[in-house]
C-alpha atoms as a PDB file:
ATOM      1  CA  UNK A   1       6.396  -3.907 -13.523  1.00  0.00           C
ATOM      2  CA  UNK A   2       2.919  -3.565 -13.001  1.00  0.00           C
ATOM      3  CA  UNK A   3       0.935  -5.887  -9.656  1.00  0.00           C
ATOM      4  CA  UNK A   4      -2.386  -7.156 -10.613  1.00  0.00           C
ATOM      5  CA  UNK A   5      -5.131  -6.145  -8.464  1.00  0.00           C
ATOM      6  CA  UNK A   6      -7.295  -8.006  -6.646  1.00  0.00           C
ATOM      7  CA  UNK A   7      -9.707  -5.355  -5.446  1.00  0.00           C
ATOM      8  CA  UNK A   8     -12.164  -3.705  -7.716  1.00  0.00           C
ATOM      9  CA  UNK A   9     -15.320  -1.958  -7.723  1.00  0.00           C
ATOM     10  CA  UNK A  10     -18.712  -3.214  -8.351  1.00  0.00           C
ATOM     11  CA  UNK A  11     -21.342  -0.207  -7.886  1.00  0.00           C
ATOM     12  CA  UNK A  12     -20.838   3.641  -7.119  1.00  0.00           C
ATOM     13  CA  UNK A  13     -24.020   2.901  -4.880  1.00  0.00           C
ATOM     14  CA  UNK A  14     -23.494   6.799  -3.433  1.00  0.00           C
ATOM     15  CA  UNK A  15     -23.377   8.616  -6.764  1.00  0.00           C
ATOM     16  CA  UNK A  16     -26.286   6.463  -8.007  1.00  0.00           C
ATOM     17  CA  UNK A  17     -28.733   6.747  -4.875  1.00  0.00           C
ATOM     18  CA  UNK A  18     -28.453  11.116  -5.037  1.00  0.00           C
ATOM     19  CA  UNK A  19     -28.524  10.711  -9.217  1.00  0.00           C
ATOM     20  CA  UNK A  20     -25.399  12.923  -9.447  1.00  0.00           C
ATOM     21  CA  UNK A  21     -23.775  12.830 -12.118  1.00  0.00           C
ATOM     22  CA  UNK A  22     -19.967  10.677 -11.880  1.00  0.00           C
ATOM     23  CA  UNK A  23     -16.945  11.836 -13.637  1.00  0.00           C
ATOM     24  CA  UNK A  24     -14.465   9.148 -13.979  1.00  0.00           C
ATOM     25  CA  UNK A  25     -10.851  11.019 -14.568  1.00  0.00           C
ATOM     26  CA  UNK A  26      -8.182   8.342 -15.269  1.00  0.00           C
ATOM     27  CA  UNK A  27      -4.177   8.369 -15.158  1.00  0.00           C
ATOM     28  CA  UNK A  28      -1.053   7.008 -14.487  1.00  0.00           C
ATOM     29  CA  UNK A  29       0.693   6.578 -10.896  1.00  0.00           C
ATOM     30  CA  UNK A  30       3.753   5.220  -9.895  1.00  0.00           C
ATOM     31  CA  UNK A  31       3.186   2.970 -13.509  1.00  0.00           C
ATOM     32  CA  UNK A  32       0.225   1.602 -12.835  1.00  0.00           C
ATOM     33  CA  UNK A  33      -3.494   3.200 -13.441  1.00  0.00           C
ATOM     34  CA  UNK A  34      -5.338   5.179 -11.534  1.00  0.00           C
ATOM     35  CA  UNK A  35      -8.870   5.695 -11.487  1.00  0.00           C
ATOM     36  CA  UNK A  36     -10.816   9.000  -9.132  1.00  0.00           C
ATOM     37  CA  UNK A  37     -14.151   8.691  -9.537  1.00  0.00           C
ATOM     38  CA  UNK A  38     -16.673  12.340  -7.872  1.00  0.00           C
ATOM     39  CA  UNK A  39     -20.238  14.043  -9.048  1.00  0.00           C
ATOM     40  CA  UNK A  40     -18.561  16.949  -9.942  1.00  0.00           C
ATOM     41  CA  UNK A  41     -14.884  18.255 -11.668  1.00  0.00           C
ATOM     42  CA  UNK A  42     -11.993  17.339 -10.131  1.00  0.00           C
ATOM     43  CA  UNK A  43      -8.812  20.122  -9.299  1.00  0.00           C
ATOM     44  CA  UNK A  44      -6.837  18.028 -12.395  1.00  0.00           C
ATOM     45  CA  UNK A  45      -3.607  19.880 -11.656  1.00  0.00           C
ATOM     46  CA  UNK A  46      -3.515  19.629  -8.016  1.00  0.00           C
ATOM     47  CA  UNK A  47      -3.787  16.112  -8.380  1.00  0.00           C
ATOM     48  CA  UNK A  48      -1.827  15.612 -11.406  1.00  0.00           C
ATOM     49  CA  UNK A  49       0.813  17.861  -9.323  1.00  0.00           C
ATOM     50  CA  UNK A  50       0.624  15.867  -5.878  1.00  0.00           C
ATOM     51  CA  UNK A  51       0.987  12.554  -8.098  1.00  0.00           C
ATOM     52  CA  UNK A  52       4.383  13.572  -9.471  1.00  0.00           C
ATOM     53  CA  UNK A  53       5.474  14.878  -6.418  1.00  0.00           C
ATOM     54  CA  UNK A  54       4.975  11.529  -4.620  1.00  0.00           C
ATOM     55  CA  UNK A  55       6.488  10.551  -7.597  1.00  0.00           C
ATOM     56  CA  UNK A  56       9.705  12.351  -7.250  1.00  0.00           C
ATOM     57  CA  UNK A  57      10.057  10.861  -3.344  1.00  0.00           C
ATOM     58  CA  UNK A  58       9.169   7.170  -3.777  1.00  0.00           C
ATOM     59  CA  UNK A  59       9.898   6.095  -7.191  1.00  0.00           C
ATOM     60  CA  UNK A  60      12.645   3.506  -7.317  1.00  0.00           C
ATOM     61  CA  UNK A  61      12.844   3.901 -11.260  1.00  0.00           C
ATOM     62  CA  UNK A  62      14.383   7.461 -11.604  1.00  0.00           C
ATOM     63  CA  UNK A  63      15.664   9.944  -9.612  1.00  0.00           C
ATOM     64  CA  UNK A  64      13.800  10.591  -6.732  1.00  0.00           C
ATOM     65  CA  UNK A  65      14.680  11.352  -3.009  1.00  0.00           C
ATOM     66  CA  UNK A  66      14.550   8.006  -2.734  1.00  0.00           C
ATOM     67  CA  UNK A  67      16.723   6.436  -4.764  1.00  0.00           C
ATOM     68  CA  UNK A  68      19.186   9.235  -3.779  1.00  0.00           C
ATOM     69  CA  UNK A  69      18.866   7.755  -0.248  1.00  0.00           C
ATOM     70  CA  UNK A  70      19.479   4.824  -1.253  1.00  0.00           C
ATOM     71  CA  UNK A  71      22.726   5.456  -3.384  1.00  0.00           C
ATOM     72  CA  UNK A  72      24.517   7.592  -0.587  1.00  0.00           C
ATOM     73  CA  UNK A  73      22.899   6.257   3.034  1.00  0.00           C
ATOM     74  CA  UNK A  74      21.512   9.604   4.082  1.00  0.00           C
ATOM     75  CA  UNK A  75      20.250  12.710   3.033  1.00  0.00           C
ATOM     76  CA  UNK A  76      17.988  15.381   4.338  1.00  0.00           C
ATOM     77  CA  UNK A  77      14.524  13.987   4.964  1.00  0.00           C
ATOM     78  CA  UNK A  78      11.689  15.858   3.397  1.00  0.00           C
ATOM     79  CA  UNK A  79       8.582  16.484   5.315  1.00  0.00           C
ATOM     80  CA  UNK A  80       6.830  14.188   3.010  1.00  0.00           C
ATOM     81  CA  UNK A  81       9.374  11.420   2.914  1.00  0.00           C
ATOM     82  CA  UNK A  82       8.963  11.640   7.103  1.00  0.00           C
ATOM     83  CA  UNK A  83       5.945  11.298   7.115  1.00  0.00           C
ATOM     84  CA  UNK A  84       5.834   8.028   6.052  1.00  0.00           C
ATOM     85  CA  UNK A  85       8.857   6.713   7.480  1.00  0.00           C
ATOM     86  CA  UNK A  86       7.110   7.246  10.192  1.00  0.00           C
ATOM     87  CA  UNK A  87       3.588   5.286   9.154  1.00  0.00           C
ATOM     88  CA  UNK A  88       6.307   3.058   8.061  1.00  0.00           C
ATOM     89  CA  UNK A  89       7.785   2.296  11.282  1.00  0.00           C
ATOM     90  CA  UNK A  90       4.329   2.164  13.215  1.00  0.00           C
ATOM     91  CA  UNK A  91       3.113  -0.879  10.900  1.00  0.00           C
ATOM     92  CA  UNK A  92       6.956  -1.884  11.428  1.00  0.00           C
ATOM     93  CA  UNK A  93       7.114  -2.249  15.285  1.00  0.00           C
ATOM     94  CA  UNK A  94       3.315  -3.371  15.954  1.00  0.00           C
ATOM     95  CA  UNK A  95       3.502  -5.948  13.434  1.00  0.00           C
ATOM     96  CA  UNK A  96       6.536  -7.560  15.100  1.00  0.00           C
ATOM     97  CA  UNK A  97       8.684  -6.604  11.843  1.00  0.00           C
ATOM     98  CA  UNK A  98       6.588  -8.301   9.276  1.00  0.00           C
ATOM     99  CA  UNK A  99       6.359  -4.814   7.670  1.00  0.00           C
ATOM    100  CA  UNK A 100       9.788  -3.813   7.059  1.00  0.00           C
ATOM    101  CA  UNK A 101      11.006  -1.094   3.504  1.00  0.00           C
ATOM    102  CA  UNK A 102      14.567  -2.486   4.368  1.00  0.00           C
ATOM    103  CA  UNK A 103      14.298  -5.470   2.525  1.00  0.00           C
ATOM    104  CA  UNK A 104      15.209  -3.853  -0.252  1.00  0.00           C
ATOM    105  CA  UNK A 105      18.711  -4.901  -1.673  1.00  0.00           C
ATOM    106  CA  UNK A 106      17.179  -8.284  -0.592  1.00  0.00           C
ATOM    107  CA  UNK A 107      14.172  -8.309  -3.034  1.00  0.00           C
ATOM    108  CA  UNK A 108      17.809  -7.210  -5.635  1.00  0.00           C
ATOM    109  CA  UNK A 109      19.813 -10.052  -4.993  1.00  0.00           C
ATOM    110  CA  UNK A 110      16.721 -12.611  -4.858  1.00  0.00           C
ATOM    111  CA  UNK A 111      16.160 -11.326  -8.483  1.00  0.00           C
ATOM    112  CA  UNK A 112      19.090 -10.873  -9.810  1.00  0.00           C
ATOM    113  CA  UNK A 113      20.280 -14.505  -8.493  1.00  0.00           C
ATOM    114  CA  UNK A 114      22.841 -13.282  -6.128  1.00  0.00           C
ATOM    115  CA  UNK A 115      23.747 -14.755  -2.346  1.00  0.00           C
ATOM    116  CA  UNK A 116      21.250 -13.210  -0.269  1.00  0.00           C
ATOM    117  CA  UNK A 117      22.981 -13.544   2.888  1.00  0.00           C
ATOM    118  CA  UNK A 118      24.397 -10.124   3.443  1.00  0.00           C
ATOM    119  CA  UNK A 119      21.453  -8.277   2.475  1.00  0.00           C
ATOM    120  CA  UNK A 120      19.268 -10.891   4.948  1.00  0.00           C
ATOM    121  CA  UNK A 121      21.715  -8.992   7.979  1.00  0.00           C
ATOM    122  CA  UNK A 122      21.248  -5.993   6.360  1.00  0.00           C
ATOM    123  CA  UNK A 123      17.229  -5.675   7.513  1.00  0.00           C
ATOM    124  CA  UNK A 124      16.357  -3.921  10.220  1.00  0.00           C
ATOM    125  CA  UNK A 125      13.467  -0.482  10.283  1.00  0.00           C
ATOM    126  CA  UNK A 126      15.013  -0.046  13.517  1.00  0.00           C
ATOM    127  CA  UNK A 127      17.848   0.501  12.671  1.00  0.00           C
ATOM    128  CA  UNK A 128      16.780   3.913  10.703  1.00  0.00           C
ATOM    129  CA  UNK A 129      17.761   7.060  11.474  1.00  0.00           C
ATOM    130  CA  UNK A 130      14.178   9.400  11.472  1.00  0.00           C
ATOM    131  CA  UNK A 131      15.234  12.184  11.699  1.00  0.00           C
ATOM    132  CA  UNK A 132      16.154  16.547   9.865  1.00  0.00           C
ATOM    133  CA  UNK A 133      18.436  13.521   7.959  1.00  0.00           C
ATOM    134  CA  UNK A 134      17.593  10.084   6.946  1.00  0.00           C
ATOM    135  CA  UNK A 135      20.349   8.386   8.368  1.00  0.00           C
ATOM    136  CA  UNK A 136      21.071   4.552   7.034  1.00  0.00           C
ATOM    137  CA  UNK A 137      23.260   1.569   8.647  1.00  0.00           C
ATOM    138  CA  UNK A 138      25.544   0.457   6.309  1.00  0.00           C
ATOM    139  CA  UNK A 139      23.953  -2.129   3.608  1.00  0.00           C
ATOM    140  CA  UNK A 140      20.637  -1.213   3.626  1.00  0.00           C
ATOM    141  CA  UNK A 141      18.294  -0.040   1.144  1.00  0.00           C
ATOM    142  CA  UNK A 142      14.516   1.329   1.259  1.00  0.00           C
ATOM    143  CA  UNK A 143      11.483  -0.047  -0.406  1.00  0.00           C
ATOM    144  CA  UNK A 144       8.297   2.303  -0.186  1.00  0.00           C
ATOM    145  CA  UNK A 145       6.628   0.356  -2.916  1.00  0.00           C
ATOM    146  CA  UNK A 146       4.641  -1.447   0.408  1.00  0.00           C
ATOM    147  CA  UNK A 147       3.139   2.093   1.139  1.00  0.00           C
ATOM    148  CA  UNK A 148       3.434   5.054  -0.761  1.00  0.00           C
ATOM    149  CA  UNK A 149       0.640   3.854  -2.690  1.00  0.00           C
ATOM    150  CA  UNK A 150      -1.927   3.830  -0.035  1.00  0.00           C
ATOM    151  CA  UNK A 151       0.190   7.753   0.740  1.00  0.00           C
ATOM    152  CA  UNK A 152      -0.985   8.441  -2.895  1.00  0.00           C
ATOM    153  CA  UNK A 153      -4.277   7.211  -2.651  1.00  0.00           C
ATOM    154  CA  UNK A 154      -5.002   9.623   1.189  1.00  0.00           C
ATOM    155  CA  UNK A 155      -3.316  12.341  -0.492  1.00  0.00           C
ATOM    156  CA  UNK A 156      -5.605  12.776  -3.756  1.00  0.00           C
ATOM    157  CA  UNK A 157      -8.546  11.935  -1.150  1.00  0.00           C
ATOM    158  CA  UNK A 158      -7.372  15.163   1.118  1.00  0.00           C
ATOM    159  CA  UNK A 159      -7.376  17.312  -2.337  1.00  0.00           C
ATOM    160  CA  UNK A 160     -10.957  15.895  -3.545  1.00  0.00           C
ATOM    161  CA  UNK A 161     -11.798  17.101   0.180  1.00  0.00           C
ATOM    162  CA  UNK A 162     -10.627  20.711  -0.143  1.00  0.00           C
ATOM    163  CA  UNK A 163     -12.592  20.869  -3.515  1.00  0.00           C
ATOM    164  CA  UNK A 164     -15.792  20.003  -1.547  1.00  0.00           C
ATOM    165  CA  UNK A 165     -16.006  16.460  -3.646  1.00  0.00           C
ATOM    166  CA  UNK A 166     -18.675  14.729  -0.895  1.00  0.00           C
ATOM    167  CA  UNK A 167     -19.040  11.485  -2.288  1.00  0.00           C
ATOM    168  CA  UNK A 168     -15.285  10.660  -4.125  1.00  0.00           C
ATOM    169  CA  UNK A 169     -13.628   7.748  -4.685  1.00  0.00           C
ATOM    170  CA  UNK A 170      -9.581   7.532  -5.262  1.00  0.00           C
ATOM    171  CA  UNK A 171      -7.980   3.691  -6.898  1.00  0.00           C
ATOM    172  CA  UNK A 172      -4.264   3.953  -6.701  1.00  0.00           C
ATOM    173  CA  UNK A 173      -5.248   0.177  -6.446  1.00  0.00           C
ATOM    174  CA  UNK A 174      -5.905   0.915  -2.832  1.00  0.00           C
ATOM    175  CA  UNK A 175      -8.909   2.640  -2.745  1.00  0.00           C
ATOM    176  CA  UNK A 176      -9.839   5.632  -0.834  1.00  0.00           C
ATOM    177  CA  UNK A 177     -13.587   6.963  -0.412  1.00  0.00           C
ATOM    178  CA  UNK A 178     -15.204  10.486   1.123  1.00  0.00           C
ATOM    179  CA  UNK A 179     -18.403   9.334   1.197  1.00  0.00           C
ATOM    180  CA  UNK A 180     -19.829   7.051  -0.093  1.00  0.00           C
ATOM    181  CA  UNK A 181     -21.285   3.800   0.287  1.00  0.00           C
ATOM    182  CA  UNK A 182     -19.363   2.297  -2.533  1.00  0.00           C
ATOM    183  CA  UNK A 183     -18.992  -1.530  -3.053  1.00  0.00           C
ATOM    184  CA  UNK A 184     -16.160  -2.891  -3.721  1.00  0.00           C
ATOM    185  CA  UNK A 185     -15.296  -7.166  -4.906  1.00  0.00           C
ATOM    186  CA  UNK A 186     -12.517  -8.474  -3.631  1.00  0.00           C
ATOM    187  CA  UNK A 187     -10.354 -11.367  -5.683  1.00  0.00           C
ATOM    188  CA  UNK A 188      -8.347 -13.858  -5.143  1.00  0.00           C
ATOM    189  CA  UNK A 189      -5.852 -15.402  -7.960  1.00  0.00           C
ATOM    190  CA  UNK A 190      -6.697 -18.540  -7.899  1.00  0.00           C
ATOM    191  CA  UNK A 191     -10.469 -18.190  -6.476  1.00  0.00           C
ATOM    192  CA  UNK A 192     -11.445 -14.897  -8.947  1.00  0.00           C
ATOM    193  CA  UNK A 193     -14.116 -12.857  -6.978  1.00  0.00           C
ATOM    194  CA  UNK A 194     -14.739 -14.053  -3.446  1.00  0.00           C
ATOM    195  CA  UNK A 195     -16.593 -11.575  -1.936  1.00  0.00           C
ATOM    196  CA  UNK A 196     -18.184  -8.141  -1.977  1.00  0.00           C
ATOM    197  CA  UNK A 197     -17.512  -4.923   0.132  1.00  0.00           C
ATOM    198  CA  UNK A 198     -18.873  -1.591   0.749  1.00  0.00           C
ATOM    199  CA  UNK A 199     -16.527   1.017   1.982  1.00  0.00           C
ATOM    200  CA  UNK A 200     -17.929   4.493   3.599  1.00  0.00           C
ATOM    201  CA  UNK A 201     -15.428   7.030   4.500  1.00  0.00           C
ATOM    202  CA  UNK A 202     -11.854   5.223   4.798  1.00  0.00           C
ATOM    203  CA  UNK A 203      -9.927   3.347   2.960  1.00  0.00           C
ATOM    204  CA  UNK A 204      -9.869  -0.909   1.641  1.00  0.00           C
ATOM    205  CA  UNK A 205      -6.340  -2.294   0.458  1.00  0.00           C
ATOM    206  CA  UNK A 206      -4.936  -5.696  -0.905  1.00  0.00           C
ATOM    207  CA  UNK A 207      -2.160  -7.944  -1.082  1.00  0.00           C
ATOM    208  CA  UNK A 208      -1.472 -10.526  -2.661  1.00  0.00           C
ATOM    209  CA  UNK A 209       1.703 -12.639  -3.136  1.00  0.00           C
ATOM    210  CA  UNK A 210       0.512 -13.150  -6.938  1.00  0.00           C
ATOM    211  CA  UNK A 211       0.744  -9.884  -7.678  1.00  0.00           C
ATOM    212  CA  UNK A 212       3.341  -9.187  -9.075  1.00  0.00           C
ATOM    213  CA  UNK A 213       5.690 -12.313 -10.602  1.00  0.00           C
ATOM    214  CA  UNK A 214       9.245 -12.937  -8.783  1.00  0.00           C
ATOM    215  CA  UNK A 215      11.942 -15.151  -9.362  1.00  0.00           C
ATOM    216  CA  UNK A 216      11.567 -18.145  -6.909  1.00  0.00           C
ATOM    217  CA  UNK A 217       8.984 -16.847  -5.306  1.00  0.00           C
ATOM    218  CA  UNK A 218       7.112 -14.219  -4.092  1.00  0.00           C
ATOM    219  CA  UNK A 219       7.527 -10.335  -4.166  1.00  0.00           C
ATOM    220  CA  UNK A 220       6.654  -9.851  -0.226  1.00  0.00           C
ATOM    221  CA  UNK A 221       9.466 -10.850   1.396  1.00  0.00           C
ATOM    222  CA  UNK A 222       9.649 -11.750   4.446  1.00  0.00           C
ATOM    223  CA  UNK A 223      12.155  -9.687   6.910  1.00  0.00           C
ATOM    224  CA  UNK A 224      12.374 -12.652   9.143  1.00  0.00           C
ATOM    225  CA  UNK A 225      12.505 -15.635   6.620  1.00  0.00           C
ATOM    226  CA  UNK A 226       9.242 -16.011   7.036  1.00  0.00           C
ATOM    227  CA  UNK A 227       7.115 -17.391   3.683  1.00  0.00           C
ATOM    228  CA  UNK A 228       3.258 -16.007   2.743  1.00  0.00           C
ATOM    229  CA  UNK A 229       0.794 -17.973   4.871  1.00  0.00           C
ATOM    230  CA  UNK A 230      -1.928 -16.665   2.438  1.00  0.00           C
ATOM    231  CA  UNK A 231      -3.167 -15.802  -1.035  1.00  0.00           C
ATOM    232  CA  UNK A 232      -5.375 -12.928   0.057  1.00  0.00           C
ATOM    233  CA  UNK A 233      -5.178 -10.258   2.172  1.00  0.00           C
ATOM    234  CA  UNK A 234      -7.544  -7.017   2.225  1.00  0.00           C
ATOM    235  CA  UNK A 235      -8.094  -4.873   5.305  1.00  0.00           C
ATOM    236  CA  UNK A 236     -10.359  -2.062   6.061  1.00  0.00           C
ATOM    237  CA  UNK A 237      -9.297   0.801   8.130  1.00  0.00           C
ATOM    238  CA  UNK A 238      -9.198   4.745   8.194  1.00  0.00           C
ATOM    239  CA  UNK A 239      -6.882   5.819   6.239  1.00  0.00           C
ATOM    240  CA  UNK A 240      -5.045   4.009   2.856  1.00  0.00           C
ATOM    241  CA  UNK A 241      -1.702   4.740   4.014  1.00  0.00           C
ATOM    242  CA  UNK A 242      -2.261   2.713   6.816  1.00  0.00           C
ATOM    243  CA  UNK A 243      -3.956  -0.669   5.262  1.00  0.00           C
ATOM    244  CA  UNK A 244      -1.683  -0.631   2.390  1.00  0.00           C
ATOM    245  CA  UNK A 245       1.581  -1.664   4.811  1.00  0.00           C
ATOM    246  CA  UNK A 246      -0.682  -4.031   6.966  1.00  0.00           C
ATOM    247  CA  UNK A 247      -2.041  -6.439   3.976  1.00  0.00           C
ATOM    248  CA  UNK A 248       1.542  -6.078   3.010  1.00  0.00           C
ATOM    249  CA  UNK A 249       2.350  -7.269   6.459  1.00  0.00           C
ATOM    250  CA  UNK A 250      -0.242  -9.099   7.174  1.00  0.00           C
ATOM    251  CA  UNK A 251       0.595 -11.861   4.298  1.00  0.00           C
ATOM    252  CA  UNK A 252       2.993 -12.956   6.276  1.00  0.00           C
ATOM    253  CA  UNK A 253       1.631 -13.442   9.727  1.00  0.00           C
ATOM    254  CA  UNK A 254      -0.663 -16.239  11.488  1.00  0.00           C
ATOM    255  CA  UNK A 255      -4.318 -15.618  11.983  1.00  0.00           C
ATOM    256  CA  UNK A 256      -3.374 -14.729  15.603  1.00  0.00           C
ATOM    257  CA  UNK A 257      -0.830 -12.445  15.147  1.00  0.00           C
ATOM    258  CA  UNK A 258      -3.146 -10.447  12.535  1.00  0.00           C
ATOM    259  CA  UNK A 259      -6.080 -10.292  14.693  1.00  0.00           C
ATOM    260  CA  UNK A 260      -3.410  -8.356  17.764  1.00  0.00           C
ATOM    261  CA  UNK A 261      -1.767  -6.135  15.112  1.00  0.00           C
ATOM    262  CA  UNK A 262      -5.458  -4.437  13.293  1.00  0.00           C
ATOM    263  CA  UNK A 263      -6.464  -4.540  17.405  1.00  0.00           C
ATOM    264  CA  UNK A 264      -3.252  -2.539  18.067  1.00  0.00           C
ATOM    265  CA  UNK A 265      -3.653  -0.735  14.488  1.00  0.00           C
ATOM    266  CA  UNK A 266      -6.864   0.561  15.010  1.00  0.00           C
ATOM    267  CA  UNK A 267      -7.915  -1.577  12.246  1.00  0.00           C
ATOM    268  CA  UNK A 268     -12.115  -1.827  10.526  1.00  0.00           C
ATOM    269  CA  UNK A 269     -11.564  -5.227   9.245  1.00  0.00           C
ATOM    270  CA  UNK A 270      -9.180  -8.097   8.158  1.00  0.00           C
ATOM    271  CA  UNK A 271     -10.418 -10.706   5.634  1.00  0.00           C
ATOM    272  CA  UNK A 272      -8.184 -13.527   3.755  1.00  0.00           C
ATOM    273  CA  UNK A 273      -8.278 -15.800   1.916  1.00  0.00           C
ATOM    274  CA  UNK A 274      -6.207 -18.591   2.115  1.00  0.00           C
ATOM    275  CA  UNK A 275      -3.731 -20.789  -0.697  1.00  0.00           C
ATOM    276  CA  UNK A 276      -6.517 -23.358  -0.033  1.00  0.00           C
ATOM    277  CA  UNK A 277      -9.444 -20.826  -1.739  1.00  0.00           C
ATOM    278  CA  UNK A 278     -10.880 -20.493   1.628  1.00  0.00           C
ATOM    279  CA  UNK A 279     -12.514 -16.803   2.566  1.00  0.00           C
ATOM    280  CA  UNK A 280     -12.606 -15.845   6.102  1.00  0.00           C
ATOM    281  CA  UNK A 281     -12.718 -13.294   8.269  1.00  0.00           C
ATOM    282  CA  UNK A 282     -10.460 -12.097  10.934  1.00  0.00           C
ATOM    283  CA  UNK A 283     -11.943  -8.612  12.311  1.00  0.00           C
END
């Protein structure tokens, strides 16, 4: 099942301004479209290998490190898994638990029409042990869909940087830029295109409760029973990993909570569209 995307490229200003010939490559990652635009030949073999390694770690739809961990409750953690879980825990802690990958059993229960009582009781990333081994508490399972795409965008950006590509834009649903500026459009499922923003370096990510159909409501589940407060939230910051997770959490949070968390996470900007279609800049 694919997420609808609410960030879109308006123009690659840096590539046009420098008169460079932009090369664009399209592929697949996490079951969705991946697009990379750069002013030169891309190291495609390395990029494809990196995407395959990321999916072999985080996919919920094939045999992966994550599905094996969810099945057994513990397992040796790869460097990649430990790194992403550490980032997830940071966002979890600094959003007061609004971002929590242990909602996976609750997500499955609601999707399958089962009683959500026990899955809800198992929620709590603070109960996951992250060390040489990853150890889940009883009844827990993880979904890293709210952070793995951002990690993927950062990883591909690292490959492009090492290849000497100065002005490069990676679109994995979340955007990661090297150089720039790039003009991106922010869209809302009801209001349509609501704003444009320039991205120079760093990352931008958008979350929307309407991005993917889900039985009984939003696919973005509140770990503590929260319901979405915004139709769309867009976050800009240093890394796509951070922006991906933060935008997911912020959909569920009050304005004052978002502003405080954005400061703690050192984000560059946060914008939101409420369910009446009003656009506002929070940070």
